[in-house]
Amino acid sequence: MIELEVDGQKVEVPEGSMVMDAANKLG
């Protein structure tokens, strides 16, 4: 899993995921 921060919110997504996948996970 990779931890990213999008608009100040941290989210973990599997390696190889797109940035949009992380954004969608946050809502």
Protein backbone atom coordinates (compact mmCIF):
# COMPACT_ATOMS: atom_id res chain seq x y z
CA MET A 1 0.00 0.00 0.00
CA ILE A 2 1.09 3.54 -0.72
CA GLU A 3 0.05 6.43 1.50
CA LEU A 4 -0.88 9.63 -0.31
CA GLU A 5 -2.14 12.98 0.87
CA VAL A 6 -4.89 14.57 -1.21
CA ASP A 7 -6.21 17.99 -0.15
CA GLY A 8 -4.81 17.41 3.34
CA GLN A 9 -6.44 13.98 3.75
CA LYS A 10 -4.30 10.86 3.93
CA VAL A 11 -5.40 7.78 2.01
CA GLU A 12 -3.78 4.40 1.36
CA VAL A 13 -4.10 2.74 -2.04
CA PRO A 14 -2.48 -0.35 -3.54
CA GLU A 15 0.77 0.19 -5.42
CA GLY A 16 0.09 0.84 -9.10
CA SER A 17 -3.13 2.75 -8.45
CA MET A 18 -3.83 5.98 -10.26
CA VAL A 19 -4.06 9.28 -8.40
CA MET A 20 -7.73 9.47 -9.39
CA ASP A 21 -8.31 6.13 -7.63
CA ALA A 22 -7.04 7.71 -4.42
CA ALA A 23 -9.22 10.79 -4.93
CA ASN A 24 -12.28 8.62 -5.57
CA LYS A 25 -11.61 6.65 -2.40
CA LEU A 26 -11.78 9.90 -0.42
CA GLY A 27 -15.13 10.79 -1.98
